[in-house]
Amino acid sequence: MQDKIDEFMEEGFSFREAEEQALKWIKDKAALHNPDQIAGGNPLKITGMGDSRINSSIGSQWKSRIGNVDKEIRRVADTLSEEEKN
């Protein structure tokens, strides 16, 4: 959030105004992870901020797809030699 405050201050806002603007800006934002957390993304590694409605929509789509991803990973893993697995 400090980056956003700094950005607003560079635009000429006072610290207090910049802080208020940053708080307004962040209200509808969500932390983005790449890959998404449900697909194995690290929850501590935030890659950006994005629209929370869009992020929620994308996140909910993973729930119906992650099973197929898991199956394919297991299928490929079963074909690996012990050396390849390590």
PDB file of N, CA and C in Angstrom:
ATOM      1  N   MET A   1       0.825  -1.182   0.000  1.00  0.00           N
ATOM      2  CA  MET A   1       0.000   0.000   0.000  1.00  0.00           C
ATOM      3  C   MET A   1       0.869   1.246   0.000  1.00  0.00           C
ATOM      4  N   GLN A   2       2.057   1.103   0.587  1.00  0.00           N
ATOM      5  CA  GLN A   2       2.959   2.251   0.623  1.00  0.00           C
ATOM      6  C   GLN A   2       3.299   2.723  -0.786  1.00  0.00           C
ATOM      7  N   ASP A   3       3.457   1.778  -1.705  1.00  0.00           N
ATOM      8  CA  ASP A   3       3.746   2.154  -3.095  1.00  0.00           C
ATOM      9  C   ASP A   3       2.623   3.005  -3.674  1.00  0.00           C
ATOM     10  N   LYS A   4       1.388   2.653  -3.346  1.00  0.00           N
ATOM     11  CA  LYS A   4       0.243   3.411  -3.861  1.00  0.00           C
ATOM     12  C   LYS A   4       0.204   4.798  -3.227  1.00  0.00           C
ATOM     13  N   ILE A   5       0.512   4.892  -1.939  1.00  0.00           N
ATOM     14  CA  ILE A   5       0.572   6.201  -1.272  1.00  0.00           C
ATOM     15  C   ILE A   5       1.637   7.054  -1.945  1.00  0.00           C
ATOM     16  N   ASP A   6       2.803   6.463  -2.175  1.00  0.00           N
ATOM     17  CA  ASP A   6       3.887   7.193  -2.847  1.00  0.00           C
ATOM     18  C   ASP A   6       3.463   7.656  -4.232  1.00  0.00           C
ATOM     19  N   GLU A   7       2.754   6.787  -4.944  1.00  0.00           N
ATOM     20  CA  GLU A   7       2.277   7.131  -6.286  1.00  0.00           C
ATOM     21  C   GLU A   7       1.355   8.349  -6.242  1.00  0.00           C
ATOM     22  N   PHE A   8       0.433   8.363  -5.285  1.00  0.00           N
ATOM     23  CA  PHE A   8      -0.478   9.500  -5.159  1.00  0.00           C
ATOM     24  C   PHE A   8       0.270  10.764  -4.734  1.00  0.00           C
ATOM     25  N   MET A   9       1.266  10.616  -3.890  1.00  0.00           N
ATOM     26  CA  MET A   9       2.046  11.781  -3.466  1.00  0.00           C
ATOM     27  C   MET A   9       2.829  12.360  -4.646  1.00  0.00           C
ATOM     28  N   GLU A  10       3.320  11.491  -5.532  1.00  0.00           N
ATOM     29  CA  GLU A  10       4.009  11.961  -6.734  1.00  0.00           C
ATOM     30  C   GLU A  10       3.069  12.734  -7.649  1.00  0.00           C
ATOM     31  N   GLU A  11       1.774  12.446  -7.541  1.00  0.00           N
ATOM     32  CA  GLU A  11       0.767  13.160  -8.324  1.00  0.00           C
ATOM     33  C   GLU A  11       0.391  14.493  -7.677  1.00  0.00           C
ATOM     34  N   GLY A  12       0.959  14.781  -6.510  1.00  0.00           N
ATOM     35  CA  GLY A  12       0.724  16.067  -5.874  1.00  0.00           C
ATOM     36  C   GLY A  12      -0.156  16.043  -4.639  1.00  0.00           C
ATOM     37  N   PHE A  13      -0.614  14.870  -4.232  1.00  0.00           N
ATOM     38  CA  PHE A  13      -1.429  14.772  -3.027  1.00  0.00           C
ATOM     39  C   PHE A  13      -0.547  14.909  -1.794  1.00  0.00           C
ATOM     40  N   SER A  14      -1.115  15.460  -0.719  1.00  0.00           N
ATOM     41  CA  SER A  14      -0.412  15.468   0.564  1.00  0.00           C
ATOM     42  C   SER A  14      -0.394  14.028   1.080  1.00  0.00           C
ATOM     43  N   PHE A  15       0.404  13.766   2.120  1.00  0.00           N
ATOM     44  CA  PHE A  15       0.462  12.412   2.658  1.00  0.00           C
ATOM     45  C   PHE A  15      -0.921  11.941   3.090  1.00  0.00           C
ATOM     46  N   ARG A  16      -1.638  12.772   3.808  1.00  0.00           N
ATOM     47  CA  ARG A  16      -2.974  12.392   4.292  1.00  0.00           C
ATOM     48  C   ARG A  16      -3.928  12.115   3.126  1.00  0.00           C
ATOM     49  N   GLU A  17      -3.910  12.996   2.123  1.00  0.00           N
ATOM     50  CA  GLU A  17      -4.770  12.794   0.956  1.00  0.00           C
ATOM     51  C   GLU A  17      -4.380  11.516   0.203  1.00  0.00           C
ATOM     52  N   ALA A  18      -3.075  11.305   0.066  1.00  0.00           N
ATOM     53  CA  ALA A  18      -2.584  10.114  -0.632  1.00  0.00           C
ATOM     54  C   ALA A  18      -3.004   8.851   0.108  1.00  0.00           C
ATOM     55  N   GLU A  19      -2.923   8.899   1.431  1.00  0.00           N
ATOM     56  CA  GLU A  19      -3.330   7.757   2.243  1.00  0.00           C
ATOM     57  C   GLU A  19      -4.824   7.476   2.063  1.00  0.00           C
ATOM     58  N   GLU A  20      -5.636   8.522   2.056  1.00  0.00           N
ATOM     59  CA  GLU A  20      -7.079   8.365   1.857  1.00  0.00           C
ATOM     60  C   GLU A  20      -7.377   7.784   0.476  1.00  0.00           C
ATOM     61  N   GLN A  21      -6.686   8.299  -0.539  1.00  0.00           N
ATOM     62  CA  GLN A  21      -6.879   7.799  -1.902  1.00  0.00           C
ATOM     63  C   GLN A  21      -6.467   6.329  -2.006  1.00  0.00           C
ATOM     64  N   ALA A  22      -5.361   5.978  -1.364  1.00  0.00           N
ATOM     65  CA  ALA A  22      -4.885   4.592  -1.394  1.00  0.00           C
ATOM     66  C   ALA A  22      -5.888   3.662  -0.708  1.00  0.00           C
ATOM     67  N   LEU A  23      -6.467   4.114   0.391  1.00  0.00           N
ATOM     68  CA  LEU A  23      -7.474   3.300   1.087  1.00  0.00           C
ATOM     69  C   LEU A  23      -8.708   3.094   0.215  1.00  0.00           C
ATOM     70  N   LYS A  24      -9.124   4.135  -0.504  1.00  0.00           N
ATOM     71  CA  LYS A  24     -10.256   4.004  -1.428  1.00  0.00           C
ATOM     72  C   LYS A  24      -9.910   3.021  -2.545  1.00  0.00           C
ATOM     73  N   TRP A  25      -8.678   3.149  -3.062  1.00  0.00           N
ATOM     74  CA  TRP A  25      -8.241   2.310  -4.178  1.00  0.00           C
ATOM     75  C   TRP A  25      -8.227   0.830  -3.792  1.00  0.00           C
ATOM     76  N   ILE A  26      -7.764   0.535  -2.579  1.00  0.00           N
ATOM     77  CA  ILE A  26      -7.557  -0.860  -2.178  1.00  0.00           C
ATOM     78  C   ILE A  26      -8.848  -1.575  -1.768  1.00  0.00           C
ATOM     79  N   LYS A  27      -9.925  -0.836  -1.537  1.00  0.00           N
ATOM     80  CA  LYS A  27     -11.167  -1.450  -1.046  1.00  0.00           C
ATOM     81  C   LYS A  27     -11.703  -2.562  -1.938  1.00  0.00           C
ATOM     82  N   ASP A  28     -11.572  -2.409  -3.247  1.00  0.00           N
ATOM     83  CA  ASP A  28     -12.116  -3.438  -4.140  1.00  0.00           C
ATOM     84  C   ASP A  28     -11.020  -4.271  -4.800  1.00  0.00           C
ATOM     85  N   LYS A  29      -9.862  -4.318  -4.151  1.00  0.00           N
ATOM     86  CA  LYS A  29      -8.729  -5.074  -4.689  1.00  0.00           C
ATOM     87  C   LYS A  29      -8.516  -6.363  -3.896  1.00  0.00           C
ATOM     88  N   ALA A  30      -7.889  -7.319  -4.563  1.00  0.00           N
ATOM     89  CA  ALA A  30      -7.527  -8.593  -3.933  1.00  0.00           C
ATOM     90  C   ALA A  30      -6.081  -8.896  -4.286  1.00  0.00           C
ATOM     91  N   ALA A  31      -5.407  -9.586  -3.387  1.00  0.00           N
ATOM     92  CA  ALA A  31      -4.032 -10.015  -3.655  1.00  0.00           C
ATOM     93  C   ALA A  31      -4.052 -11.080  -4.741  1.00  0.00           C
ATOM     94  N   LEU A  32      -3.157 -10.938  -5.713  1.00  0.00           N
ATOM     95  CA  LEU A  32      -3.062 -11.894  -6.809  1.00  0.00           C
ATOM     96  C   LEU A  32      -1.851 -12.791  -6.609  1.00  0.00           C
ATOM     97  N   HIS A  33      -2.018 -14.057  -6.948  1.00  0.00           N
ATOM     98  CA  HIS A  33      -0.941 -15.046  -6.841  1.00  0.00           C
ATOM     99  C   HIS A  33      -0.806 -15.734  -8.190  1.00  0.00           C
ATOM    100  N   ASN A  34       0.416 -16.014  -8.596  1.00  0.00           N
ATOM    101  CA  ASN A  34       0.651 -16.674  -9.870  1.00  0.00           C
ATOM    102  C   ASN A  34       1.592 -17.848  -9.669  1.00  0.00           C
ATOM    103  N   PRO A  35       1.094 -19.075  -9.718  1.00  0.00           N
ATOM    104  CA  PRO A  35      -0.279 -19.427 -10.051  1.00  0.00           C
ATOM    105  C   PRO A  35      -1.223 -19.161  -8.877  1.00  0.00           C
ATOM    106  N   ASP A  36      -2.508 -19.254  -9.169  1.00  0.00           N
ATOM    107  CA  ASP A  36      -3.524 -19.074  -8.141  1.00  0.00           C
ATOM    108  C   ASP A  36      -3.257 -20.037  -6.986  1.00  0.00           C
ATOM    109  N   GLN A  37      -3.628 -19.646  -5.787  1.00  0.00           N
ATOM    110  CA  GLN A  37      -3.360 -20.483  -4.610  1.00  0.00           C
ATOM    111  C   GLN A  37      -3.942 -21.884  -4.740  1.00  0.00           C
ATOM    112  N   ILE A  38      -5.138 -22.005  -5.276  1.00  0.00           N
ATOM    113  CA  ILE A  38      -5.769 -23.324  -5.384  1.00  0.00           C
ATOM    114  C   ILE A  38      -5.003 -24.230  -6.354  1.00  0.00           C
ATOM    115  N   ALA A  39      -4.210 -23.611  -7.246  1.00  0.00           N
ATOM    116  CA  ALA A  39      -3.394 -24.379  -8.196  1.00  0.00           C
ATOM    117  C   ALA A  39      -1.966 -24.546  -7.696  1.00  0.00           C
ATOM    118  N   GLY A  40      -1.750 -24.241  -6.419  1.00  0.00           N
ATOM    119  CA  GLY A  40      -0.429 -24.454  -5.831  1.00  0.00           C
ATOM    120  C   GLY A  40       0.396 -23.206  -5.628  1.00  0.00           C
ATOM    121  N   GLY A  41      -0.178 -22.048  -5.887  1.00  0.00           N
ATOM    122  CA  GLY A  41       0.546 -20.795  -5.685  1.00  0.00           C
ATOM    123  C   GLY A  41       0.837 -20.546  -4.218  1.00  0.00           C
ATOM    124  N   ASN A  42       1.967 -19.936  -3.954  1.00  0.00           N
ATOM    125  CA  ASN A  42       2.383 -19.618  -2.589  1.00  0.00           C
ATOM    126  C   ASN A  42       1.553 -18.443  -2.073  1.00  0.00           C
ATOM    127  N   PRO A  43       0.793 -18.630  -0.983  1.00  0.00           N
ATOM    128  CA  PRO A  43      -0.037 -17.537  -0.467  1.00  0.00           C
ATOM    129  C   PRO A  43       0.780 -16.353   0.039  1.00  0.00           C
ATOM    130  N   LEU A  44       2.055 -16.578   0.306  1.00  0.00           N
ATOM    131  CA  LEU A  44       2.909 -15.492   0.792  1.00  0.00           C
ATOM    132  C   LEU A  44       3.551 -14.704  -0.344  1.00  0.00           C
ATOM    133  N   LYS A  45       3.457 -15.217  -1.566  1.00  0.00           N
ATOM    134  CA  LYS A  45       4.066 -14.554  -2.719  1.00  0.00           C
ATOM    135  C   LYS A  45       2.981 -13.850  -3.528  1.00  0.00           C
ATOM    136  N   ILE A  46       2.743 -12.597  -3.193  1.00  0.00           N
ATOM    137  CA  ILE A  46       1.730 -11.795  -3.874  1.00  0.00           C
ATOM    138  C   ILE A  46       2.384 -11.164  -5.099  1.00  0.00           C
ATOM    139  N   THR A  47       1.774 -11.395  -6.263  1.00  0.00           N
ATOM    140  CA  THR A  47       2.361 -10.893  -7.502  1.00  0.00           C
ATOM    141  C   THR A  47       1.734  -9.595  -7.974  1.00  0.00           C
ATOM    142  N   GLY A  48       0.712  -9.133  -7.280  1.00  0.00           N
ATOM    143  CA  GLY A  48       0.068  -7.879  -7.649  1.00  0.00           C
ATOM    144  C   GLY A  48      -1.266  -7.745  -6.949  1.00  0.00           C
ATOM    145  N   MET A  49      -1.951  -6.681  -7.289  1.00  0.00           N
ATOM    146  CA  MET A  49      -3.287  -6.442  -6.767  1.00  0.00           C
ATOM    147  C   MET A  49      -4.217  -6.314  -7.965  1.00  0.00           C
ATOM    148  N   GLY A  50      -5.408  -6.880  -7.835  1.00  0.00           N
ATOM    149  CA  GLY A  50      -6.362  -6.812  -8.934  1.00  0.00           C
ATOM    150  C   GLY A  50      -7.779  -6.683  -8.429  1.00  0.00           C
ATOM    151  N   ASP A  51      -8.686  -6.490  -9.343  1.00  0.00           N
ATOM    152  CA  ASP A  51     -10.101  -6.342  -9.027  1.00  0.00           C
ATOM    153  C   ASP A  51     -10.588  -7.597  -8.299  1.00  0.00           C
ATOM    154  N   SER A  52     -11.150  -7.419  -7.117  1.00  0.00           N
ATOM    155  CA  SER A  52     -11.541  -8.572  -6.296  1.00  0.00           C
ATOM    156  C   SER A  52     -12.658  -9.393  -6.942  1.00  0.00           C
ATOM    157  N   ARG A  53     -13.560  -8.752  -7.688  1.00  0.00           N
ATOM    158  CA  ARG A  53     -14.644  -9.505  -8.335  1.00  0.00           C
ATOM    159  C   ARG A  53     -14.091 -10.430  -9.418  1.00  0.00           C
ATOM    160  N   ILE A  54     -13.167  -9.908 -10.203  1.00  0.00           N
ATOM    161  CA  ILE A  54     -12.568 -10.722 -11.264  1.00  0.00           C
ATOM    162  C   ILE A  54     -11.739 -11.845 -10.656  1.00  0.00           C
ATOM    163  N   ASN A  55     -10.960 -11.516  -9.629  1.00  0.00           N
ATOM    164  CA  ASN A  55     -10.127 -12.524  -8.983  1.00  0.00           C
ATOM    165  C   ASN A  55     -10.983 -13.644  -8.389  1.00  0.00           C
ATOM    166  N   SER A  56     -12.088 -13.289  -7.765  1.00  0.00           N
ATOM    167  CA  SER A  56     -12.983 -14.304  -7.190  1.00  0.00           C
ATOM    168  C   SER A  56     -13.591 -15.177  -8.278  1.00  0.00           C
ATOM    169  N   SER A  57     -13.932 -14.566  -9.403  1.00  0.00           N
ATOM    170  CA  SER A  57     -14.503 -15.320 -10.514  1.00  0.00           C
ATOM    171  C   SER A  57     -13.492 -16.315 -11.067  1.00  0.00           C
ATOM    172  N   ILE A  58     -12.265 -15.871 -11.257  1.00  0.00           N
ATOM    173  CA  ILE A  58     -11.220 -16.759 -11.763  1.00  0.00           C
ATOM    174  C   ILE A  58     -10.929 -17.857 -10.742  1.00  0.00           C
ATOM    175  N   GLY A  59     -10.827 -17.474  -9.484  1.00  0.00           N
ATOM    176  CA  GLY A  59     -10.556 -18.452  -8.429  1.00  0.00           C
ATOM    177  C   GLY A  59     -11.614 -19.530  -8.351  1.00  0.00           C
ATOM    178  N   SER A  60     -12.874 -19.149  -8.496  1.00  0.00           N
ATOM    179  CA  SER A  60     -13.947 -20.143  -8.409  1.00  0.00           C
ATOM    180  C   SER A  60     -13.913 -21.107  -9.594  1.00  0.00           C
ATOM    181  N   GLN A  61     -13.403 -20.678 -10.736  1.00  0.00           N
ATOM    182  CA  GLN A  61     -13.303 -21.565 -11.898  1.00  0.00           C
ATOM    183  C   GLN A  61     -12.287 -22.680 -11.669  1.00  0.00           C
ATOM    184  N   TRP A  62     -11.269 -22.394 -10.856  1.00  0.00           N
ATOM    185  CA  TRP A  62     -10.261 -23.422 -10.567  1.00  0.00           C
ATOM    186  C   TRP A  62     -10.871 -24.622  -9.862  1.00  0.00           C
ATOM    187  N   LYS A  63     -11.890 -24.397  -9.039  1.00  0.00           N
ATOM    188  CA  LYS A  63     -12.474 -25.483  -8.252  1.00  0.00           C
ATOM    189  C   LYS A  63     -12.982 -26.618  -9.130  1.00  0.00           C
ATOM    190  N   SER A  64     -13.509 -26.284 -10.295  1.00  0.00           N
ATOM    191  CA  SER A  64     -14.013 -27.333 -11.183  1.00  0.00           C
ATOM    192  C   SER A  64     -12.928 -27.886 -12.103  1.00  0.00           C
ATOM    193  N   ARG A  65     -11.780 -27.243 -12.162  1.00  0.00           N
ATOM    194  CA  ARG A  65     -10.719 -27.663 -13.085  1.00  0.00           C
ATOM    195  C   ARG A  65      -9.528 -28.325 -12.403  1.00  0.00           C
ATOM    196  N   ILE A  66      -9.331 -28.044 -11.137  1.00  0.00           N
ATOM    197  CA  ILE A  66      -8.116 -28.514 -10.468  1.00  0.00           C
ATOM    198  C   ILE A  66      -8.057 -30.038 -10.401  1.00  0.00           C
ATOM    199  N   GLY A  67      -9.212 -30.694 -10.336  1.00  0.00           N
ATOM    200  CA  GLY A  67      -9.230 -32.158 -10.313  1.00  0.00           C
ATOM    201  C   GLY A  67      -8.585 -32.743 -11.563  1.00  0.00           C
ATOM    202  N   ASN A  68      -8.897 -32.168 -12.727  1.00  0.00           N
ATOM    203  CA  ASN A  68      -8.299 -32.639 -13.983  1.00  0.00           C
ATOM    204  C   ASN A  68      -6.799 -32.372 -14.011  1.00  0.00           C
ATOM    205  N   VAL A  69      -6.382 -31.238 -13.483  1.00  0.00           N
ATOM    206  CA  VAL A  69      -4.950 -30.920 -13.420  1.00  0.00           C
ATOM    207  C   VAL A  69      -4.245 -31.936 -12.530  1.00  0.00           C
ATOM    208  N   ASP A  70      -4.825 -32.215 -11.365  1.00  0.00           N
ATOM    209  CA  ASP A  70      -4.239 -33.203 -10.446  1.00  0.00           C
ATOM    210  C   ASP A  70      -4.133 -34.585 -11.094  1.00  0.00           C
ATOM    211  N   LYS A  71      -5.199 -35.012 -11.796  1.00  0.00           N
ATOM    212  CA  LYS A  71      -5.181 -36.321 -12.465  1.00  0.00           C
ATOM    213  C   LYS A  71      -4.049 -36.396 -13.488  1.00  0.00           C
ATOM    214  N   GLU A  72      -3.881 -35.342 -14.271  1.00  0.00           N
ATOM    215  CA  GLU A  72      -2.842 -35.338 -15.303  1.00  0.00           C
ATOM    216  C   GLU A  72      -1.452 -35.358 -14.676  1.00  0.00           C
ATOM    217  N   ILE A  73      -1.267 -34.619 -13.602  1.00  0.00           N
ATOM    218  CA  ILE A  73       0.028 -34.629 -12.908  1.00  0.00           C
ATOM    219  C   ILE A  73       0.332 -36.030 -12.388  1.00  0.00           C
ATOM    220  N   ARG A  74      -0.664 -36.672 -11.785  1.00  0.00           N
ATOM    221  CA  ARG A  74      -0.460 -38.038 -11.273  1.00  0.00           C
ATOM    222  C   ARG A  74      -0.163 -39.020 -12.406  1.00  0.00           C
ATOM    223  N   ARG A  75      -0.857 -38.854 -13.544  1.00  0.00           N
ATOM    224  CA  ARG A  75      -0.639 -39.735 -14.692  1.00  0.00           C
ATOM    225  C   ARG A  75       0.803 -39.608 -15.185  1.00  0.00           C
ATOM    226  N   VAL A  76       1.280 -38.375 -15.323  1.00  0.00           N
ATOM    227  CA  VAL A  76       2.653 -38.153 -15.780  1.00  0.00           C
ATOM    228  C   VAL A  76       3.642 -38.655 -14.732  1.00  0.00           C
ATOM    229  N   ALA A  77       3.365 -38.396 -13.465  1.00  0.00           N
ATOM    230  CA  ALA A  77       4.266 -38.831 -12.389  1.00  0.00           C
ATOM    231  C   ALA A  77       4.427 -40.351 -12.387  1.00  0.00           C
ATOM    232  N   ASP A  78       3.360 -41.065 -12.701  1.00  0.00           N
ATOM    233  CA  ASP A  78       3.427 -42.533 -12.733  1.00  0.00           C
ATOM    234  C   ASP A  78       4.346 -43.052 -13.834  1.00  0.00           C
ATOM    235  N   THR A  79       4.626 -42.243 -14.842  1.00  0.00           N
ATOM    236  CA  THR A  79       5.493 -42.674 -15.947  1.00  0.00           C
ATOM    237  C   THR A  79       6.961 -42.331 -15.707  1.00  0.00           C
ATOM    238  N   LEU A  80       7.256 -41.582 -14.648  1.00  0.00           N
ATOM    239  CA  LEU A  80       8.629 -41.163 -14.381  1.00  0.00           C
ATOM    240  C   LEU A  80       9.430 -42.264 -13.702  1.00  0.00           C
ATOM    241  N   SER A  81      10.702 -42.315 -14.029  1.00  0.00           N
ATOM    242  CA  SER A  81      11.597 -43.251 -13.341  1.00  0.00           C
ATOM    243  C   SER A  81      11.910 -42.688 -11.955  1.00  0.00           C
ATOM    244  N   GLU A  82      12.484 -43.514 -11.092  1.00  0.00           N
ATOM    245  CA  GLU A  82      12.862 -43.044  -9.748  1.00  0.00           C
ATOM    246  C   GLU A  82      13.856 -41.888  -9.844  1.00  0.00           C
ATOM    247  N   GLU A  83      14.767 -41.976 -10.801  1.00  0.00           N
ATOM    248  CA  GLU A  83      15.761 -40.911 -10.994  1.00  0.00           C
ATOM    249  C   GLU A  83      15.086 -39.597 -11.389  1.00  0.00           C
ATOM    250  N   GLU A  84      14.104 -39.672 -12.277  1.00  0.00           N
ATOM    251  CA  GLU A  84      13.383 -38.475 -12.711  1.00  0.00           C
ATOM    252  C   GLU A  84      12.545 -37.880 -11.580  1.00  0.00           C
ATOM    253  N   LYS A  85      12.039 -38.717 -10.699  1.00  0.00           N
ATOM    254  CA  LYS A  85      11.231 -38.233  -9.576  1.00  0.00           C
ATOM    255  C   LYS A  85      12.065 -37.468  -8.567  1.00  0.00           C
ATOM    256  N   ASN A  86      13.348 -37.776  -8.493  1.00  0.00           N
ATOM    257  CA  ASN A  86      14.229 -37.103  -7.544  1.00  0.00           C
ATOM    258  C   ASN A  86      14.915 -35.978  -8.244  1.00  0.00           C
TER     259      ASN A  86
END
